[in-house]
Amino acid sequence: MVTSVLHLVVAVVLAGLTAYGLVVWRRHRRSYTLIVVAVGLGLVYDNAVLGIGRWLGHGSTLEALSYPRFWIHALITPLLIIVGVGAARTLAGGWARSRIGHAAVCLVATGLVVWGVVIDIVGLELDQQSEAGLLSYGNAAASAPVPAIATIVILLGFGAWVWRAAGWPWLAVAAGVMFIASGLGAISGLLTNVGELSLIAGLVATEERAGRHMDRSSRAAREPALAGRR
């Protein structure tokens, strides 16, 4: 029961972070922030379904609620690397600001989405699982989560770049925590979900930082023009 309650707690905290992500988007209007919000909403759903599984029990209702968990991870999670290049584009510069570099990252994200679709949608076979009192449905046909691992590693790379170029460590820290938590997932799936919470927190904070930087740059660019009109 404790594990179920903890998943619900994670869902509530994620909901709060996602709501703040919407505030960040309204403040700065960065399209990258909407990707973070979409992933955050998906993780809220994921943790909520895991949390209520104990009370629903294995059956048609829990099974039906479980399908979207895998669809969300397959279709949306790899898009986070686009958020990574967006942060680098604003805070680090370099090739991330080129159209070719940005397009290449988008192409990689698309490839990871396709890979995830093949694994977690086309090949999805739900089976009943029970761990530490947590009742859920997993993918019986699951293989190594290559898209998820690649997404975390690429985000870690962008985070390290932003840290070095702009002195902002939190994207790298969040991705690093997520990487470690994923490795500990074999001990407890809850650790992976806590790692996801850390990742969303780091991404929302990074989007706020990037948005402020973007706004300052826009104001600085406008000031000479305004001065010339006086």
Protein backbone atom coordinates (compact mmCIF):
# COMPACT_ATOMS: atom_id res chain seq x y z
CA MET A 1 0.00 0.00 0.00
CA VAL A 2 2.88 2.37 0.80
CA THR A 3 4.25 2.09 -2.74
CA SER A 4 0.84 2.89 -4.22
CA VAL A 5 0.49 5.96 -2.02
CA LEU A 6 4.00 7.11 -2.93
CA HIS A 7 3.14 6.88 -6.64
CA LEU A 8 0.10 9.05 -5.99
CA VAL A 9 2.31 11.54 -4.12
CA VAL A 10 4.68 11.63 -7.10
CA ALA A 11 1.67 12.21 -9.38
CA VAL A 12 0.54 15.18 -7.27
CA VAL A 13 4.02 16.74 -7.20
CA LEU A 14 4.34 16.22 -10.96
CA ALA A 15 0.96 17.88 -11.43
CA GLY A 16 2.24 20.90 -9.52
CA LEU A 17 5.43 21.06 -11.60
CA THR A 18 3.44 20.70 -14.80
CA ALA A 19 1.08 23.49 -13.74
CA TYR A 20 4.09 25.69 -13.09
CA GLY A 21 5.39 24.70 -16.52
CA LEU A 22 2.22 26.21 -17.99
CA VAL A 23 2.92 29.40 -16.04
CA VAL A 24 6.44 29.45 -17.52
CA TRP A 25 5.01 28.98 -21.01
CA ARG A 26 2.50 31.80 -20.58
CA ARG A 27 5.30 34.04 -19.32
CA HIS A 28 7.83 33.40 -22.09
CA ARG A 29 5.86 31.67 -24.90
CA ARG A 30 8.59 29.15 -25.72
CA SER A 31 7.24 26.21 -27.71
CA TYR A 32 9.81 23.94 -26.05
CA THR A 33 8.05 24.45 -22.73
CA LEU A 34 4.87 22.90 -24.14
CA ILE A 35 6.80 19.67 -24.77
CA VAL A 36 7.81 19.59 -21.11
CA VAL A 37 4.19 20.21 -20.11
CA ALA A 38 2.98 17.38 -22.37
CA VAL A 39 5.51 14.93 -20.92
CA GLY A 40 4.65 16.10 -17.41
CA LEU A 41 0.95 15.42 -17.99
CA GLY A 42 1.82 11.98 -19.31
CA LEU A 43 3.88 11.17 -16.23
CA VAL A 44 1.07 12.39 -13.96
CA TYR A 45 -1.21 9.90 -15.70
CA ASP A 46 1.41 7.14 -15.50
CA ASN A 47 1.91 7.53 -11.75
CA ALA A 48 -1.79 7.96 -11.06
CA VAL A 49 -2.64 4.68 -12.81
CA LEU A 50 0.17 2.89 -10.97
CA GLY A 51 -1.05 4.38 -7.70
CA ILE A 52 -4.71 3.35 -8.04
CA GLY A 53 -3.94 -0.12 -9.39
CA ARG A 54 -3.99 -1.63 -5.91
CA TRP A 55 -7.59 -0.55 -5.39
CA LEU A 56 -8.81 -1.32 -8.91
CA GLY A 57 -7.21 -4.76 -9.01
CA HIS A 58 -6.22 -6.66 -12.12
CA GLY A 59 -9.05 -6.61 -14.63
CA SER A 60 -10.46 -4.91 -17.69
CA THR A 61 -10.55 -1.42 -16.14
CA LEU A 62 -6.91 -1.34 -15.04
CA GLU A 63 -5.86 -3.00 -18.29
CA ALA A 64 -7.66 -0.35 -20.36
CA LEU A 65 -6.11 2.43 -18.29
CA SER A 66 -2.65 0.91 -18.74
CA TYR A 67 -2.44 1.11 -22.54
CA PRO A 68 -2.00 4.92 -22.64
CA ARG A 69 0.94 4.65 -20.24
CA PHE A 70 2.97 2.95 -22.94
CA TRP A 71 1.65 5.14 -25.76
CA ILE A 72 2.69 8.26 -23.86
CA HIS A 73 6.24 7.04 -23.25
CA ALA A 74 6.62 5.98 -26.88
CA LEU A 75 5.17 9.06 -28.56
CA ILE A 76 6.17 11.96 -26.31
CA THR A 77 9.18 11.20 -24.12
CA PRO A 78 11.83 11.23 -26.93
CA LEU A 79 10.71 14.76 -27.81
CA LEU A 80 12.52 15.93 -24.68
CA ILE A 81 15.78 15.98 -26.63
CA ILE A 82 14.25 18.81 -28.67
CA VAL A 83 13.82 20.67 -25.37
CA GLY A 84 17.50 19.99 -24.72
CA VAL A 85 18.62 21.52 -28.01
CA GLY A 86 16.24 24.42 -27.37
CA ALA A 87 17.95 25.12 -24.06
CA ALA A 88 21.37 24.90 -25.71
CA ARG A 89 20.18 27.15 -28.52
CA THR A 90 19.26 29.88 -26.04
CA LEU A 91 21.87 29.46 -23.32
CA ALA A 92 24.91 27.96 -25.08
CA GLY A 93 24.72 28.94 -28.75
CA GLY A 94 27.04 27.23 -31.22
CA TRP A 95 25.64 24.73 -33.70
CA ALA A 96 22.40 24.45 -31.70
CA ARG A 97 21.38 27.79 -33.23
CA SER A 98 21.78 26.53 -36.78
CA ARG A 99 18.78 25.23 -38.67
CA ILE A 100 20.70 22.14 -39.74
CA GLY A 101 21.70 21.29 -36.16
CA HIS A 102 18.17 21.81 -34.87
CA ALA A 103 16.72 19.76 -37.73
CA ALA A 104 19.19 16.94 -37.05
CA VAL A 105 18.09 16.73 -33.41
CA CYS A 106 14.43 16.72 -34.48
CA LEU A 107 15.24 13.89 -36.89
CA VAL A 108 16.87 11.88 -34.10
CA ALA A 109 13.82 12.48 -31.89
CA THR A 110 11.54 11.28 -34.69
CA GLY A 111 13.63 8.14 -35.09
CA LEU A 112 13.39 7.40 -31.37
CA VAL A 113 9.62 7.91 -31.48
CA VAL A 114 9.33 5.42 -34.35
CA TRP A 115 11.49 2.95 -32.42
CA GLY A 116 9.26 3.39 -29.37
CA VAL A 117 6.13 2.88 -31.45
CA VAL A 118 7.46 -0.44 -32.70
CA ILE A 119 8.37 -1.61 -29.19
CA ASP A 120 5.60 -0.16 -27.02
CA ILE A 121 2.64 0.18 -29.36
CA VAL A 122 2.90 -2.29 -32.24
CA GLY A 123 4.50 -4.98 -30.09
CA LEU A 124 2.60 -4.21 -26.88
CA GLU A 125 1.43 -7.29 -24.97
CA LEU A 126 0.10 -6.44 -21.52
CA ASP A 127 0.58 -8.87 -18.69
CA GLN A 128 -0.31 -8.68 -15.01
CA GLN A 129 2.43 -7.55 -12.64
CA SER A 130 2.66 -7.31 -8.87
CA GLU A 131 5.55 -5.67 -7.03
CA ALA A 132 5.67 -4.50 -3.41
CA GLY A 133 1.89 -4.42 -3.26
CA LEU A 134 1.66 -2.49 -6.52
CA LEU A 135 -0.75 -4.00 -9.06
CA SER A 136 -0.16 -2.98 -12.67
CA TYR A 137 0.17 -4.16 -16.25
CA GLY A 138 3.53 -4.33 -17.98
CA ASN A 139 4.68 -5.08 -21.50
CA ALA A 140 5.41 -8.80 -21.74
CA ALA A 141 7.15 -8.25 -25.08
CA ALA A 142 9.33 -5.38 -23.85
CA SER A 143 12.98 -5.24 -24.89
CA ALA A 144 15.73 -2.86 -23.80
CA PRO A 145 14.25 0.68 -23.54
CA VAL A 146 16.67 2.12 -26.09
CA PRO A 147 14.61 5.27 -26.89
CA ALA A 148 14.34 6.20 -23.20
CA ILE A 149 18.04 5.56 -22.53
CA ALA A 150 19.09 7.51 -25.63
CA THR A 151 16.85 10.40 -24.63
CA ILE A 152 18.41 10.62 -21.16
CA VAL A 153 21.98 10.37 -22.48
CA ILE A 154 21.39 13.08 -25.10
CA LEU A 155 19.74 15.32 -22.50
CA LEU A 156 22.73 14.76 -20.23
CA GLY A 157 25.00 15.88 -23.05
CA PHE A 158 22.99 19.04 -23.66
CA GLY A 159 22.89 19.67 -19.92
CA ALA A 160 26.68 19.42 -19.65
CA TRP A 161 27.03 21.81 -22.59
CA VAL A 162 24.67 24.37 -21.04
CA TRP A 163 26.45 24.03 -17.69
CA ARG A 164 29.83 24.72 -19.25
CA ALA A 165 28.65 27.56 -21.49
CA ALA A 166 26.17 29.33 -19.21
CA GLY A 167 26.94 28.09 -15.70
CA TRP A 168 23.48 26.53 -15.40
CA PRO A 169 23.89 23.03 -13.90
CA TRP A 170 20.30 21.92 -13.32
CA LEU A 171 19.53 20.30 -16.66
CA ALA A 172 22.67 18.17 -16.33
CA VAL A 173 21.92 17.37 -12.69
CA ALA A 174 18.32 16.39 -13.44
CA ALA A 175 19.33 14.21 -16.39
CA GLY A 176 22.07 12.62 -14.27
CA VAL A 177 19.62 11.79 -11.49
CA MET A 178 17.27 10.31 -14.09
CA PHE A 179 20.09 8.21 -15.54
CA ILE A 180 21.01 6.83 -12.10
CA ALA A 181 17.37 6.25 -11.17
CA SER A 182 16.80 4.32 -14.39
CA GLY A 183 19.69 2.05 -13.50
CA LEU A 184 18.16 1.44 -10.08
CA GLY A 185 14.76 0.67 -11.60
CA ALA A 186 15.45 -3.04 -11.30
CA ILE A 187 15.47 -2.60 -7.52
CA SER A 188 12.28 -0.56 -7.42
CA GLY A 189 10.24 0.92 -10.24
CA LEU A 190 9.34 3.78 -7.92
CA LEU A 191 12.94 5.02 -8.08
CA THR A 192 12.60 5.48 -11.83
CA ASN A 193 9.42 7.50 -11.33
CA VAL A 194 11.13 9.68 -8.74
CA GLY A 195 13.91 10.20 -11.27
CA GLU A 196 11.29 11.34 -13.79
CA LEU A 197 10.04 13.85 -11.24
CA SER A 198 13.57 15.19 -10.90
CA LEU A 199 13.88 15.41 -14.68
CA ILE A 200 10.67 17.40 -15.09
CA ALA A 201 11.72 19.75 -12.28
CA GLY A 202 15.07 20.35 -13.97
CA LEU A 203 13.46 20.89 -17.37
CA VAL A 204 10.88 23.36 -16.05
CA ALA A 205 13.60 25.30 -14.20
CA THR A 206 15.75 25.30 -17.34
CA GLU A 207 12.88 26.58 -19.46
CA GLU A 208 12.32 29.40 -16.97
CA ARG A 209 16.02 30.29 -17.11
CA ALA A 210 16.08 30.12 -20.92
CA GLY A 211 12.90 32.18 -21.14
CA ARG A 212 14.36 34.93 -18.95
CA HIS A 213 17.55 34.94 -21.00
CA MET A 214 15.53 35.17 -24.21
CA ASP A 215 13.44 38.05 -22.85
CA ARG A 216 16.55 39.96 -21.73
CA SER A 217 18.13 39.49 -25.14
CA SER A 218 14.99 40.74 -26.86
CA ARG A 219 14.87 43.84 -24.67
CA ALA A 220 18.57 44.53 -25.26
CA ALA A 221 18.04 44.26 -29.03
CA ARG A 222 15.13 46.70 -28.92
CA GLU A 223 16.82 49.35 -26.78
CA PRO A 224 19.20 50.74 -29.50
CA ALA A 225 16.30 51.02 -31.92
CA LEU A 226 14.19 52.85 -29.36
CA ALA A 227 17.09 55.16 -28.51
CA GLY A 228 17.51 56.00 -32.20
CA ARG A 229 13.93 57.19 -32.45
CA ARG A 230 14.33 59.69 -29.64
